[in-house]
Amino acid sequence: MPDTPSPDITVHGHDGSVFRYFAVRGREFSPSQVGWVLVVTGLEPPIDPQALTVREAVGDLESMMAGDRSPREAVQFLTELMIEDLGSRAKDLPAERAAPYRVRADELRAQMSEALA
């Protein structure tokens, strides 16, 4: 991730913990790096940053914000941006080099479909 990225979704726990969800996308990232990353601070012992599936991101956020549909909608919107970015980047490449971008976009589509069903 860039040196000082801004999280796309931030949730503050009652215990002082902060959950920051990053929808990683952009030309500086390889297709395999595009996706959700969670960074948690304020917990002991600390938790290392971790990659999440769309379902894990939705599940985490819904568990912290029960009854609120906005986390689900935010994850869907940001995942769609990731998919669009991968598709746009694939168009600029020869077919053999575009394959990883299309594969990752398909993976994210499948994850989103499963998570939001």
PDB file of N, CA and C in Angstrom:
ATOM      1  N   MET A   1       0.842  -1.170   0.000  1.00  0.00           N
ATOM      2  CA  MET A   1       0.000   0.000   0.000  1.00  0.00           C
ATOM      3  C   MET A   1       0.889   1.236   0.000  1.00  0.00           C
ATOM      4  N   PRO A   2       0.371   2.363  -0.485  1.00  0.00           N
ATOM      5  CA  PRO A   2       1.158   3.592  -0.444  1.00  0.00           C
ATOM      6  C   PRO A   2       1.556   3.939   0.987  1.00  0.00           C
ATOM      7  N   ASP A   3       2.513   4.868   1.131  1.00  0.00           N
ATOM      8  CA  ASP A   3       3.045   5.210   2.449  1.00  0.00           C
ATOM      9  C   ASP A   3       1.974   5.621   3.458  1.00  0.00           C
ATOM     10  N   THR A   4       1.059   6.480   3.062  1.00  0.00           N
ATOM     11  CA  THR A   4       0.032   6.959   3.983  1.00  0.00           C
ATOM     12  C   THR A   4      -1.352   6.826   3.350  1.00  0.00           C
ATOM     13  N   PRO A   5      -1.805   5.583   3.158  1.00  0.00           N
ATOM     14  CA  PRO A   5      -3.116   5.407   2.530  1.00  0.00           C
ATOM     15  C   PRO A   5      -4.234   5.798   3.490  1.00  0.00           C
ATOM     16  N   SER A   6      -5.331   6.192   2.926  1.00  0.00           N
ATOM     17  CA  SER A   6      -6.519   6.463   3.718  1.00  0.00           C
ATOM     18  C   SER A   6      -7.417   5.244   3.641  1.00  0.00           C
ATOM     19  N   PRO A   7      -7.927   4.813   4.776  1.00  0.00           N
ATOM     20  CA  PRO A   7      -8.819   3.656   4.731  1.00  0.00           C
ATOM     21  C   PRO A   7     -10.122   4.018   4.033  1.00  0.00           C
ATOM     22  N   ASP A   8     -10.724   3.040   3.391  1.00  0.00           N
ATOM     23  CA  ASP A   8     -11.998   3.255   2.729  1.00  0.00           C
ATOM     24  C   ASP A   8     -13.153   3.155   3.718  1.00  0.00           C
ATOM     25  N   ILE A   9     -12.989   2.327   4.752  1.00  0.00           N
ATOM     26  CA  ILE A   9     -14.002   2.176   5.801  1.00  0.00           C
ATOM     27  C   ILE A   9     -13.262   2.085   7.128  1.00  0.00           C
ATOM     28  N   THR A  10     -13.714   2.836   8.120  1.00  0.00           N
ATOM     29  CA  THR A  10     -13.107   2.809   9.451  1.00  0.00           C
ATOM     30  C   THR A  10     -14.209   2.577  10.487  1.00  0.00           C
ATOM     31  N   VAL A  11     -13.948   1.650  11.417  1.00  0.00           N
ATOM     32  CA  VAL A  11     -14.885   1.370  12.499  1.00  0.00           C
ATOM     33  C   VAL A  11     -14.105   1.426  13.810  1.00  0.00           C
ATOM     34  N   HIS A  12     -14.651   2.170  14.768  1.00  0.00           N
ATOM     35  CA  HIS A  12     -14.029   2.300  16.084  1.00  0.00           C
ATOM     36  C   HIS A  12     -14.712   1.355  17.060  1.00  0.00           C
ATOM     37  N   GLY A  13     -13.917   0.513  17.714  1.00  0.00           N
ATOM     38  CA  GLY A  13     -14.447  -0.405  18.719  1.00  0.00           C
ATOM     39  C   GLY A  13     -14.651   0.299  20.041  1.00  0.00           C
ATOM     40  N   HIS A  14     -15.463  -0.297  20.892  1.00  0.00           N
ATOM     41  CA  HIS A  14     -15.725   0.276  22.219  1.00  0.00           C
ATOM     42  C   HIS A  14     -14.518   0.156  23.137  1.00  0.00           C
ATOM     43  N   ASP A  15     -13.565  -0.685  22.756  1.00  0.00           N
ATOM     44  CA  ASP A  15     -12.378  -0.914  23.578  1.00  0.00           C
ATOM     45  C   ASP A  15     -11.179  -0.074  23.146  1.00  0.00           C
ATOM     46  N   GLY A  16     -11.398   0.890  22.258  1.00  0.00           N
ATOM     47  CA  GLY A  16     -10.306   1.726  21.764  1.00  0.00           C
ATOM     48  C   GLY A  16      -9.655   1.191  20.503  1.00  0.00           C
ATOM     49  N   SER A  17     -10.094   0.030  20.053  1.00  0.00           N
ATOM     50  CA  SER A  17      -9.541  -0.531  18.824  1.00  0.00           C
ATOM     51  C   SER A  17     -10.101   0.221  17.617  1.00  0.00           C
ATOM     52  N   VAL A  18      -9.339   0.192  16.538  1.00  0.00           N
ATOM     53  CA  VAL A  18      -9.767   0.824  15.291  1.00  0.00           C
ATOM     54  C   VAL A  18      -9.548  -0.188  14.168  1.00  0.00           C
ATOM     55  N   PHE A  19     -10.610  -0.456  13.425  1.00  0.00           N
ATOM     56  CA  PHE A  19     -10.589  -1.383  12.298  1.00  0.00           C
ATOM     57  C   PHE A  19     -10.618  -0.550  11.021  1.00  0.00           C
ATOM     58  N   ARG A  20      -9.552  -0.643  10.236  1.00  0.00           N
ATOM     59  CA  ARG A  20      -9.448   0.114   8.985  1.00  0.00           C
ATOM     60  C   ARG A  20      -9.452  -0.865   7.814  1.00  0.00           C
ATOM     61  N   TYR A  21     -10.407  -0.692   6.927  1.00  0.00           N
ATOM     62  CA  TYR A  21     -10.567  -1.551   5.763  1.00  0.00           C
ATOM     63  C   TYR A  21     -10.128  -0.777   4.523  1.00  0.00           C
ATOM     64  N   PHE A  22      -9.214  -1.360   3.782  1.00  0.00           N
ATOM     65  CA  PHE A  22      -8.674  -0.742   2.582  1.00  0.00           C
ATOM     66  C   PHE A  22      -9.128  -1.531   1.359  1.00  0.00           C
ATOM     67  N   ALA A  23      -9.742  -0.854   0.401  1.00  0.00           N
ATOM     68  CA  ALA A  23     -10.107  -1.455  -0.881  1.00  0.00           C
ATOM     69  C   ALA A  23      -8.931  -1.184  -1.815  1.00  0.00           C
ATOM     70  N   VAL A  24      -7.979  -2.081  -1.836  1.00  0.00           N
ATOM     71  CA  VAL A  24      -6.716  -1.876  -2.546  1.00  0.00           C
ATOM     72  C   VAL A  24      -6.948  -2.016  -4.051  1.00  0.00           C
ATOM     73  N   ARG A  25      -6.621  -0.959  -4.771  1.00  0.00           N
ATOM     74  CA  ARG A  25      -6.766  -0.942  -6.221  1.00  0.00           C
ATOM     75  C   ARG A  25      -5.854   0.142  -6.775  1.00  0.00           C
ATOM     76  N   GLY A  26      -5.620   0.084  -8.074  1.00  0.00           N
ATOM     77  CA  GLY A  26      -4.815   1.107  -8.719  1.00  0.00           C
ATOM     78  C   GLY A  26      -3.654   0.506  -9.481  1.00  0.00           C
ATOM     79  N   ARG A  27      -3.094   1.297 -10.362  1.00  0.00           N
ATOM     80  CA  ARG A  27      -2.026   0.843 -11.258  1.00  0.00           C
ATOM     81  C   ARG A  27      -0.764   0.403 -10.538  1.00  0.00           C
ATOM     82  N   GLU A  28      -0.558   0.866  -9.317  1.00  0.00           N
ATOM     83  CA  GLU A  28       0.659   0.484  -8.597  1.00  0.00           C
ATOM     84  C   GLU A  28       0.563  -0.910  -7.972  1.00  0.00           C
ATOM     85  N   PHE A  29      -0.601  -1.548  -8.094  1.00  0.00           N
ATOM     86  CA  PHE A  29      -0.795  -2.870  -7.502  1.00  0.00           C
ATOM     87  C   PHE A  29      -0.959  -3.929  -8.578  1.00  0.00           C
ATOM     88  N   SER A  30      -0.342  -5.076  -8.343  1.00  0.00           N
ATOM     89  CA  SER A  30      -0.509  -6.209  -9.255  1.00  0.00           C
ATOM     90  C   SER A  30      -1.918  -6.772  -9.065  1.00  0.00           C
ATOM     91  N   PRO A  31      -2.413  -7.559 -10.039  1.00  0.00           N
ATOM     92  CA  PRO A  31      -3.753  -8.133  -9.875  1.00  0.00           C
ATOM     93  C   PRO A  31      -3.907  -8.915  -8.572  1.00  0.00           C
ATOM     94  N   SER A  32      -2.886  -9.636  -8.166  1.00  0.00           N
ATOM     95  CA  SER A  32      -2.998 -10.437  -6.942  1.00  0.00           C
ATOM     96  C   SER A  32      -3.066  -9.570  -5.684  1.00  0.00           C
ATOM     97  N   GLN A  33      -2.635  -8.323  -5.766  1.00  0.00           N
ATOM     98  CA  GLN A  33      -2.680  -7.426  -4.615  1.00  0.00           C
ATOM     99  C   GLN A  33      -4.004  -6.675  -4.511  1.00  0.00           C
ATOM    100  N   VAL A  34      -4.806  -6.688  -5.554  1.00  0.00           N
ATOM    101  CA  VAL A  34      -6.079  -5.980  -5.551  1.00  0.00           C
ATOM    102  C   VAL A  34      -7.066  -6.753  -4.690  1.00  0.00           C
ATOM    103  N   GLY A  35      -7.686  -6.066  -3.747  1.00  0.00           N
ATOM    104  CA  GLY A  35      -8.643  -6.712  -2.852  1.00  0.00           C
ATOM    105  C   GLY A  35      -8.754  -5.953  -1.541  1.00  0.00           C
ATOM    106  N   TRP A  36      -9.329  -6.609  -0.574  1.00  0.00           N
ATOM    107  CA  TRP A  36      -9.560  -6.008   0.743  1.00  0.00           C
ATOM    108  C   TRP A  36      -8.428  -6.332   1.712  1.00  0.00           C
ATOM    109  N   VAL A  37      -8.001  -5.311   2.455  1.00  0.00           N
ATOM    110  CA  VAL A  37      -6.989  -5.489   3.501  1.00  0.00           C
ATOM    111  C   VAL A  37      -7.516  -4.835   4.773  1.00  0.00           C
ATOM    112  N   LEU A  38      -7.388  -5.551   5.885  1.00  0.00           N
ATOM    113  CA  LEU A  38      -7.799  -5.045   7.192  1.00  0.00           C
ATOM    114  C   LEU A  38      -6.573  -4.747   8.026  1.00  0.00           C
ATOM    115  N   VAL A  39      -6.558  -3.547   8.615  1.00  0.00           N
ATOM    116  CA  VAL A  39      -5.509  -3.153   9.548  1.00  0.00           C
ATOM    117  C   VAL A  39      -6.210  -2.785  10.855  1.00  0.00           C
ATOM    118  N   VAL A  40      -5.832  -3.476  11.930  1.00  0.00           N
ATOM    119  CA  VAL A  40      -6.435  -3.238  13.243  1.00  0.00           C
ATOM    120  C   VAL A  40      -5.370  -2.650  14.157  1.00  0.00           C
ATOM    121  N   THR A  41      -5.720  -1.579  14.847  1.00  0.00           N
ATOM    122  CA  THR A  41      -4.828  -0.994  15.849  1.00  0.00           C
ATOM    123  C   THR A  41      -5.568  -0.912  17.177  1.00  0.00           C
ATOM    124  N   GLY A  42      -4.804  -0.792  18.234  1.00  0.00           N
ATOM    125  CA  GLY A  42      -5.386  -0.622  19.559  1.00  0.00           C
ATOM    126  C   GLY A  42      -5.737  -1.915  20.266  1.00  0.00           C
ATOM    127  N   LEU A  43      -5.246  -3.040  19.784  1.00  0.00           N
ATOM    128  CA  LEU A  43      -5.488  -4.325  20.436  1.00  0.00           C
ATOM    129  C   LEU A  43      -4.170  -4.898  20.935  1.00  0.00           C
ATOM    130  N   GLU A  44      -4.241  -5.612  22.023  1.00  0.00           N
ATOM    131  CA  GLU A  44      -3.084  -6.341  22.551  1.00  0.00           C
ATOM    132  C   GLU A  44      -3.458  -7.800  22.659  1.00  0.00           C
ATOM    133  N   PRO A  45      -2.716  -8.716  22.092  1.00  0.00           N
ATOM    134  CA  PRO A  45      -1.564  -8.442  21.235  1.00  0.00           C
ATOM    135  C   PRO A  45      -2.021  -7.871  19.897  1.00  0.00           C
ATOM    136  N   PRO A  46      -1.116  -7.158  19.229  1.00  0.00           N
ATOM    137  CA  PRO A  46      -1.467  -6.562  17.939  1.00  0.00           C
ATOM    138  C   PRO A  46      -1.791  -7.636  16.903  1.00  0.00           C
ATOM    139  N   ILE A  47      -2.559  -7.240  15.920  1.00  0.00           N
ATOM    140  CA  ILE A  47      -2.928  -8.121  14.812  1.00  0.00           C
ATOM    141  C   ILE A  47      -2.235  -7.598  13.559  1.00  0.00           C
ATOM    142  N   ASP A  48      -1.568  -8.486  12.842  1.00  0.00           N
ATOM    143  CA  ASP A  48      -0.921  -8.094  11.589  1.00  0.00           C
ATOM    144  C   ASP A  48      -1.977  -7.747  10.545  1.00  0.00           C
ATOM    145  N   PRO A  49      -1.654  -6.849   9.598  1.00  0.00           N
ATOM    146  CA  PRO A  49      -2.579  -6.583   8.495  1.00  0.00           C
ATOM    147  C   PRO A  49      -2.922  -7.899   7.793  1.00  0.00           C
ATOM    148  N   GLN A  50      -4.151  -8.007   7.349  1.00  0.00           N
ATOM    149  CA  GLN A  50      -4.570  -9.247   6.714  1.00  0.00           C
ATOM    150  C   GLN A  50      -5.459  -9.000   5.510  1.00  0.00           C
ATOM    151  N   ALA A  51      -5.252  -9.830   4.494  1.00  0.00           N
ATOM    152  CA  ALA A  51      -6.109  -9.801   3.314  1.00  0.00           C
ATOM    153  C   ALA A  51      -7.434 -10.458   3.673  1.00  0.00           C
ATOM    154  N   LEU A  52      -8.520  -9.907   3.137  1.00  0.00           N
ATOM    155  CA  LEU A  52      -9.847 -10.434   3.387  1.00  0.00           C
ATOM    156  C   LEU A  52     -10.560 -10.717   2.076  1.00  0.00           C
ATOM    157  N   THR A  53     -11.448 -11.687   2.101  1.00  0.00           N
ATOM    158  CA  THR A  53     -12.351 -11.865   0.971  1.00  0.00           C
ATOM    159  C   THR A  53     -13.481 -10.848   1.125  1.00  0.00           C
ATOM    160  N   VAL A  54     -14.272 -10.705   0.087  1.00  0.00           N
ATOM    161  CA  VAL A  54     -15.427  -9.810   0.158  1.00  0.00           C
ATOM    162  C   VAL A  54     -16.365 -10.282   1.274  1.00  0.00           C
ATOM    163  N   ARG A  55     -16.582 -11.588   1.351  1.00  0.00           N
ATOM    164  CA  ARG A  55     -17.467 -12.137   2.388  1.00  0.00           C
ATOM    165  C   ARG A  55     -16.949 -11.807   3.791  1.00  0.00           C
ATOM    166  N   GLU A  56     -15.639 -11.928   4.009  1.00  0.00           N
ATOM    167  CA  GLU A  56     -15.063 -11.616   5.319  1.00  0.00           C
ATOM    168  C   GLU A  56     -15.231 -10.134   5.657  1.00  0.00           C
ATOM    169  N   ALA A  57     -15.019  -9.267   4.681  1.00  0.00           N
ATOM    170  CA  ALA A  57     -15.195  -7.831   4.919  1.00  0.00           C
ATOM    171  C   ALA A  57     -16.636  -7.526   5.282  1.00  0.00           C
ATOM    172  N   VAL A  58     -17.573  -8.058   4.510  1.00  0.00           N
ATOM    173  CA  VAL A  58     -18.994  -7.836   4.789  1.00  0.00           C
ATOM    174  C   VAL A  58     -19.352  -8.395   6.166  1.00  0.00           C
ATOM    175  N   GLY A  59     -18.923  -9.625   6.444  1.00  0.00           N
ATOM    176  CA  GLY A  59     -19.236 -10.254   7.727  1.00  0.00           C
ATOM    177  C   GLY A  59     -18.697  -9.478   8.912  1.00  0.00           C
ATOM    178  N   ASP A  60     -17.451  -9.046   8.819  1.00  0.00           N
ATOM    179  CA  ASP A  60     -16.856  -8.255   9.903  1.00  0.00           C
ATOM    180  C   ASP A  60     -17.672  -6.997  10.159  1.00  0.00           C
ATOM    181  N   LEU A  61     -17.920  -6.268   9.094  1.00  0.00           N
ATOM    182  CA  LEU A  61     -18.608  -4.989   9.238  1.00  0.00           C
ATOM    183  C   LEU A  61     -20.039  -5.166   9.733  1.00  0.00           C
ATOM    184  N   GLU A  62     -20.731  -6.173   9.225  1.00  0.00           N
ATOM    185  CA  GLU A  62     -22.096  -6.402   9.689  1.00  0.00           C
ATOM    186  C   GLU A  62     -22.129  -6.828  11.154  1.00  0.00           C
ATOM    187  N   SER A  63     -21.111  -7.567  11.596  1.00  0.00           N
ATOM    188  CA  SER A  63     -21.095  -7.975  12.996  1.00  0.00           C
ATOM    189  C   SER A  63     -20.851  -6.779  13.924  1.00  0.00           C
ATOM    190  N   MET A  64     -20.132  -5.785  13.438  1.00  0.00           N
ATOM    191  CA  MET A  64     -19.856  -4.604  14.256  1.00  0.00           C
ATOM    192  C   MET A  64     -20.956  -3.558  14.157  1.00  0.00           C
ATOM    193  N   MET A  65     -21.753  -3.637  13.085  1.00  0.00           N
ATOM    194  CA  MET A  65     -22.778  -2.623  12.840  1.00  0.00           C
ATOM    195  C   MET A  65     -24.107  -3.309  12.540  1.00  0.00           C
ATOM    196  N   ALA A  66     -24.544  -4.165  13.448  1.00  0.00           N
ATOM    197  CA  ALA A  66     -25.744  -4.978  13.243  1.00  0.00           C
ATOM    198  C   ALA A  66     -26.934  -4.123  12.824  1.00  0.00           C
ATOM    199  N   GLY A  67     -27.623  -4.604  11.791  1.00  0.00           N
ATOM    200  CA  GLY A  67     -28.822  -3.930  11.312  1.00  0.00           C
ATOM    201  C   GLY A  67     -28.575  -2.777  10.365  1.00  0.00           C
ATOM    202  N   ASP A  68     -27.323  -2.416  10.158  1.00  0.00           N
ATOM    203  CA  ASP A  68     -26.977  -1.300   9.275  1.00  0.00           C
ATOM    204  C   ASP A  68     -26.565  -1.863   7.919  1.00  0.00           C
ATOM    205  N   ARG A  69     -27.286  -1.494   6.855  1.00  0.00           N
ATOM    206  CA  ARG A  69     -26.971  -2.001   5.518  1.00  0.00           C
ATOM    207  C   ARG A  69     -25.845  -1.222   4.837  1.00  0.00           C
ATOM    208  N   SER A  70     -25.449  -0.086   5.379  1.00  0.00           N
ATOM    209  CA  SER A  70     -24.438   0.720   4.699  1.00  0.00           C
ATOM    210  C   SER A  70     -23.090   0.014   4.546  1.00  0.00           C
ATOM    211  N   PRO A  71     -22.631  -0.818   5.497  1.00  0.00           N
ATOM    212  CA  PRO A  71     -21.353  -1.513   5.272  1.00  0.00           C
ATOM    213  C   PRO A  71     -21.414  -2.438   4.060  1.00  0.00           C
ATOM    214  N   ARG A  72     -22.502  -3.174   3.919  1.00  0.00           N
ATOM    215  CA  ARG A  72     -22.681  -4.085   2.785  1.00  0.00           C
ATOM    216  C   ARG A  72     -22.658  -3.292   1.477  1.00  0.00           C
ATOM    217  N   GLU A  73     -23.356  -2.180   1.451  1.00  0.00           N
ATOM    218  CA  GLU A  73     -23.406  -1.356   0.246  1.00  0.00           C
ATOM    219  C   GLU A  73     -22.045  -0.745  -0.066  1.00  0.00           C
ATOM    220  N   ALA A  74     -21.320  -0.336   0.976  1.00  0.00           N
ATOM    221  CA  ALA A  74     -19.987   0.244   0.771  1.00  0.00           C
ATOM    222  C   ALA A  74     -19.017  -0.799   0.225  1.00  0.00           C
ATOM    223  N   VAL A  75     -19.048  -2.001   0.787  1.00  0.00           N
ATOM    224  CA  VAL A  75     -18.167  -3.065   0.300  1.00  0.00           C
ATOM    225  C   VAL A  75     -18.507  -3.405  -1.144  1.00  0.00           C
ATOM    226  N   GLN A  76     -19.791  -3.479  -1.458  1.00  0.00           N
ATOM    227  CA  GLN A  76     -20.201  -3.768  -2.838  1.00  0.00           C
ATOM    228  C   GLN A  76     -19.689  -2.689  -3.787  1.00  0.00           C
ATOM    229  N   PHE A  77     -19.900  -1.438  -3.449  1.00  0.00           N
ATOM    230  CA  PHE A  77     -19.473  -0.328  -4.301  1.00  0.00           C
ATOM    231  C   PHE A  77     -17.959  -0.341  -4.510  1.00  0.00           C
ATOM    232  N   LEU A  78     -17.207  -0.495  -3.445  1.00  0.00           N
ATOM    233  CA  LEU A  78     -15.749  -0.466  -3.549  1.00  0.00           C
ATOM    234  C   LEU A  78     -15.209  -1.691  -4.287  1.00  0.00           C
ATOM    235  N   THR A  79     -15.845  -2.831  -4.103  1.00  0.00           N
ATOM    236  CA  THR A  79     -15.428  -4.028  -4.847  1.00  0.00           C
ATOM    237  C   THR A  79     -15.711  -3.839  -6.335  1.00  0.00           C
ATOM    238  N   GLU A  80     -16.832  -3.225  -6.667  1.00  0.00           N
ATOM    239  CA  GLU A  80     -17.131  -2.931  -8.067  1.00  0.00           C
ATOM    240  C   GLU A  80     -16.076  -1.999  -8.665  1.00  0.00           C
ATOM    241  N   LEU A  81     -15.582  -1.047  -7.884  1.00  0.00           N
ATOM    242  CA  LEU A  81     -14.497  -0.182  -8.362  1.00  0.00           C
ATOM    243  C   LEU A  81     -13.232  -0.985  -8.644  1.00  0.00           C
ATOM    244  N   MET A  82     -12.920  -1.946  -7.776  1.00  0.00           N
ATOM    245  CA  MET A  82     -11.757  -2.803  -7.996  1.00  0.00           C
ATOM    246  C   MET A  82     -11.907  -3.563  -9.313  1.00  0.00           C
ATOM    247  N   ILE A  83     -13.091  -4.131  -9.539  1.00  0.00           N
ATOM    248  CA  ILE A  83     -13.356  -4.911 -10.747  1.00  0.00           C
ATOM    249  C   ILE A  83     -13.245  -4.036 -11.989  1.00  0.00           C
ATOM    250  N   GLU A  84     -13.811  -2.838 -11.931  1.00  0.00           N
ATOM    251  CA  GLU A  84     -13.714  -1.904 -13.059  1.00  0.00           C
ATOM    252  C   GLU A  84     -12.268  -1.531 -13.346  1.00  0.00           C
ATOM    253  N   ASP A  85     -11.494  -1.289 -12.298  1.00  0.00           N
ATOM    254  CA  ASP A  85     -10.084  -0.937 -12.457  1.00  0.00           C
ATOM    255  C   ASP A  85      -9.312  -2.072 -13.132  1.00  0.00           C
ATOM    256  N   LEU A  86      -9.543  -3.290 -12.680  1.00  0.00           N
ATOM    257  CA  LEU A  86      -8.862  -4.441 -13.284  1.00  0.00           C
ATOM    258  C   LEU A  86      -9.245  -4.585 -14.750  1.00  0.00           C
ATOM    259  N   GLY A  87     -10.520  -4.413 -15.070  1.00  0.00           N
ATOM    260  CA  GLY A  87     -10.976  -4.502 -16.457  1.00  0.00           C
ATOM    261  C   GLY A  87     -10.359  -3.433 -17.334  1.00  0.00           C
ATOM    262  N   SER A  88     -10.297  -2.240 -16.822  1.00  0.00           N
ATOM    263  CA  SER A  88      -9.700  -1.127 -17.567  1.00  0.00           C
ATOM    264  C   SER A  88      -8.220  -1.378 -17.832  1.00  0.00           C
ATOM    265  N   ARG A  89      -7.526  -1.878 -16.844  1.00  0.00           N
ATOM    266  CA  ARG A  89      -6.107  -2.168 -17.009  1.00  0.00           C
ATOM    267  C   ARG A  89      -5.884  -3.313 -17.986  1.00  0.00           C
ATOM    268  N   ALA A  90      -6.772  -4.299 -17.981  1.00  0.00           N
ATOM    269  CA  ALA A  90      -6.654  -5.439 -18.901  1.00  0.00           C
ATOM    270  C   ALA A  90      -6.796  -4.996 -20.351  1.00  0.00           C
ATOM    271  N   LYS A  91      -7.636  -4.008 -20.601  1.00  0.00           N
ATOM    272  CA  LYS A  91      -7.862  -3.518 -21.970  1.00  0.00           C
ATOM    273  C   LYS A  91      -6.603  -2.923 -22.582  1.00  0.00           C
ATOM    274  N   ASP A  92      -5.714  -2.410 -21.743  1.00  0.00           N
ATOM    275  CA  ASP A  92      -4.492  -1.760 -22.209  1.00  0.00           C
ATOM    276  C   ASP A  92      -3.355  -2.741 -22.478  1.00  0.00           C
ATOM    277  N   LEU A  93      -3.602  -4.040 -22.276  1.00  0.00           N
ATOM    278  CA  LEU A  93      -2.531  -5.036 -22.381  1.00  0.00           C
ATOM    279  C   LEU A  93      -2.824  -6.062 -23.471  1.00  0.00           C
ATOM    280  N   PRO A  94      -1.758  -6.680 -24.002  1.00  0.00           N
ATOM    281  CA  PRO A  94      -1.976  -7.814 -24.905  1.00  0.00           C
ATOM    282  C   PRO A  94      -2.694  -8.934 -24.145  1.00  0.00           C
ATOM    283  N   ALA A  95      -3.426  -9.768 -24.866  1.00  0.00           N
ATOM    284  CA  ALA A  95      -4.274 -10.805 -24.253  1.00  0.00           C
ATOM    285  C   ALA A  95      -3.536 -11.660 -23.234  1.00  0.00           C
ATOM    286  N   GLU A  96      -2.324 -12.112 -23.548  1.00  0.00           N
ATOM    287  CA  GLU A  96      -1.610 -12.990 -22.627  1.00  0.00           C
ATOM    288  C   GLU A  96      -1.228 -12.287 -21.326  1.00  0.00           C
ATOM    289  N   ARG A  97      -0.978 -10.993 -21.384  1.00  0.00           N
ATOM    290  CA  ARG A  97      -0.626 -10.248 -20.168  1.00  0.00           C
ATOM    291  C   ARG A  97      -1.870  -9.775 -19.421  1.00  0.00           C
ATOM    292  N   ALA A  98      -3.008  -9.734 -20.110  1.00  0.00           N
ATOM    293  CA  ALA A  98      -4.252  -9.280 -19.495  1.00  0.00           C
ATOM    294  C   ALA A  98      -4.925 -10.367 -18.664  1.00  0.00           C
ATOM    295  N   ALA A  99      -4.560 -11.616 -18.895  1.00  0.00           N
ATOM    296  CA  ALA A  99      -5.225 -12.744 -18.228  1.00  0.00           C
ATOM    297  C   ALA A  99      -5.269 -12.617 -16.697  1.00  0.00           C
ATOM    298  N   PRO A 100      -4.167 -12.279 -16.008  1.00  0.00           N
ATOM    299  CA  PRO A 100      -4.240 -12.189 -14.541  1.00  0.00           C
ATOM    300  C   PRO A 100      -5.238 -11.126 -14.058  1.00  0.00           C
ATOM    301  N   TYR A 101      -5.396 -10.053 -14.822  1.00  0.00           N
ATOM    302  CA  TYR A 101      -6.339  -9.001 -14.457  1.00  0.00           C
ATOM    303  C   TYR A 101      -7.778  -9.507 -14.581  1.00  0.00           C
ATOM    304  N   ARG A 102      -8.043 -10.239 -15.643  1.00  0.00           N
ATOM    305  CA  ARG A 102      -9.388 -10.794 -15.852  1.00  0.00           C
ATOM    306  C   ARG A 102      -9.699 -11.883 -14.826  1.00  0.00           C
ATOM    307  N   VAL A 103      -8.707 -12.705 -14.522  1.00  0.00           N
ATOM    308  CA  VAL A 103      -8.898 -13.763 -13.523  1.00  0.00           C
ATOM    309  C   VAL A 103      -9.229 -13.144 -12.165  1.00  0.00           C
ATOM    310  N   ARG A 104      -8.472 -12.131 -11.763  1.00  0.00           N
ATOM    311  CA  ARG A 104      -8.715 -11.505 -10.457  1.00  0.00           C
ATOM    312  C   ARG A 104     -10.081 -10.819 -10.442  1.00  0.00           C
ATOM    313  N   ALA A 105     -10.459 -10.164 -11.532  1.00  0.00           N
ATOM    314  CA  ALA A 105     -11.780  -9.534 -11.606  1.00  0.00           C
ATOM    315  C   ALA A 105     -12.878 -10.584 -11.454  1.00  0.00           C
ATOM    316  N   ASP A 106     -12.706 -11.731 -12.104  1.00  0.00           N
ATOM    317  CA  ASP A 106     -13.683 -12.821 -11.984  1.00  0.00           C
ATOM    318  C   ASP A 106     -13.746 -13.345 -10.545  1.00  0.00           C
ATOM    319  N   GLU A 107     -12.587 -13.460  -9.891  1.00  0.00           N
ATOM    320  CA  GLU A 107     -12.562 -13.915  -8.497  1.00  0.00           C
ATOM    321  C   GLU A 107     -13.345 -12.950  -7.605  1.00  0.00           C
ATOM    322  N   LEU A 108     -13.118 -11.653  -7.809  1.00  0.00           N
ATOM    323  CA  LEU A 108     -13.820 -10.659  -6.992  1.00  0.00           C
ATOM    324  C   LEU A 108     -15.322 -10.669  -7.274  1.00  0.00           C
ATOM    325  N   ARG A 109     -15.707 -10.857  -8.539  1.00  0.00           N
ATOM    326  CA  ARG A 109     -17.138 -10.959  -8.883  1.00  0.00           C
ATOM    327  C   ARG A 109     -17.781 -12.145  -8.161  1.00  0.00           C
ATOM    328  N   ALA A 110     -17.093 -13.275  -8.179  1.00  0.00           N
ATOM    329  CA  ALA A 110     -17.615 -14.480  -7.530  1.00  0.00           C
ATOM    330  C   ALA A 110     -17.717 -14.275  -6.019  1.00  0.00           C
ATOM    331  N   GLN A 111     -16.692 -13.675  -5.419  1.00  0.00           N
ATOM    332  CA  GLN A 111     -16.721 -13.397  -3.984  1.00  0.00           C
ATOM    333  C   GLN A 111     -17.881 -12.476  -3.632  1.00  0.00           C
ATOM    334  N   MET A 112     -18.081 -11.445  -4.448  1.00  0.00           N
ATOM    335  CA  MET A 112     -19.138 -10.488  -4.192  1.00  0.00           C
ATOM    336  C   MET A 112     -20.507 -11.147  -4.327  1.00  0.00           C
ATOM    337  N   SER A 113     -20.660 -11.948  -5.350  1.00  0.00           N
ATOM    338  CA  SER A 113     -21.924 -12.647  -5.548  1.00  0.00           C
ATOM    339  C   SER A 113     -22.243 -13.545  -4.351  1.00  0.00           C
ATOM    340  N   GLU A 114     -21.242 -14.265  -3.864  1.00  0.00           N
ATOM    341  CA  GLU A 114     -21.416 -15.141  -2.713  1.00  0.00           C
ATOM    342  C   GLU A 114     -21.713 -14.352  -1.446  1.00  0.00           C
ATOM    343  N   ALA A 115     -20.983 -13.265  -1.233  1.00  0.00           N
ATOM    344  CA  ALA A 115     -21.109 -12.492  -0.006  1.00  0.00           C
ATOM    345  C   ALA A 115     -22.426 -11.727   0.070  1.00  0.00           C
ATOM    346  N   LEU A 116     -22.925 -11.310  -1.061  1.00  0.00           N
ATOM    347  CA  LEU A 116     -24.103 -10.446  -1.063  1.00  0.00           C
ATOM    348  C   LEU A 116     -25.383 -11.173  -1.422  1.00  0.00           C
ATOM    349  N   ALA A 117     -25.300 -12.503  -1.540  1.00  0.00           N
ATOM    350  CA  ALA A 117     -26.490 -13.281  -1.903  1.00  0.00           C
ATOM    351  C   ALA A 117     -27.510 -13.301  -0.784  1.00  0.00           C
TER     352      ALA A 117
END
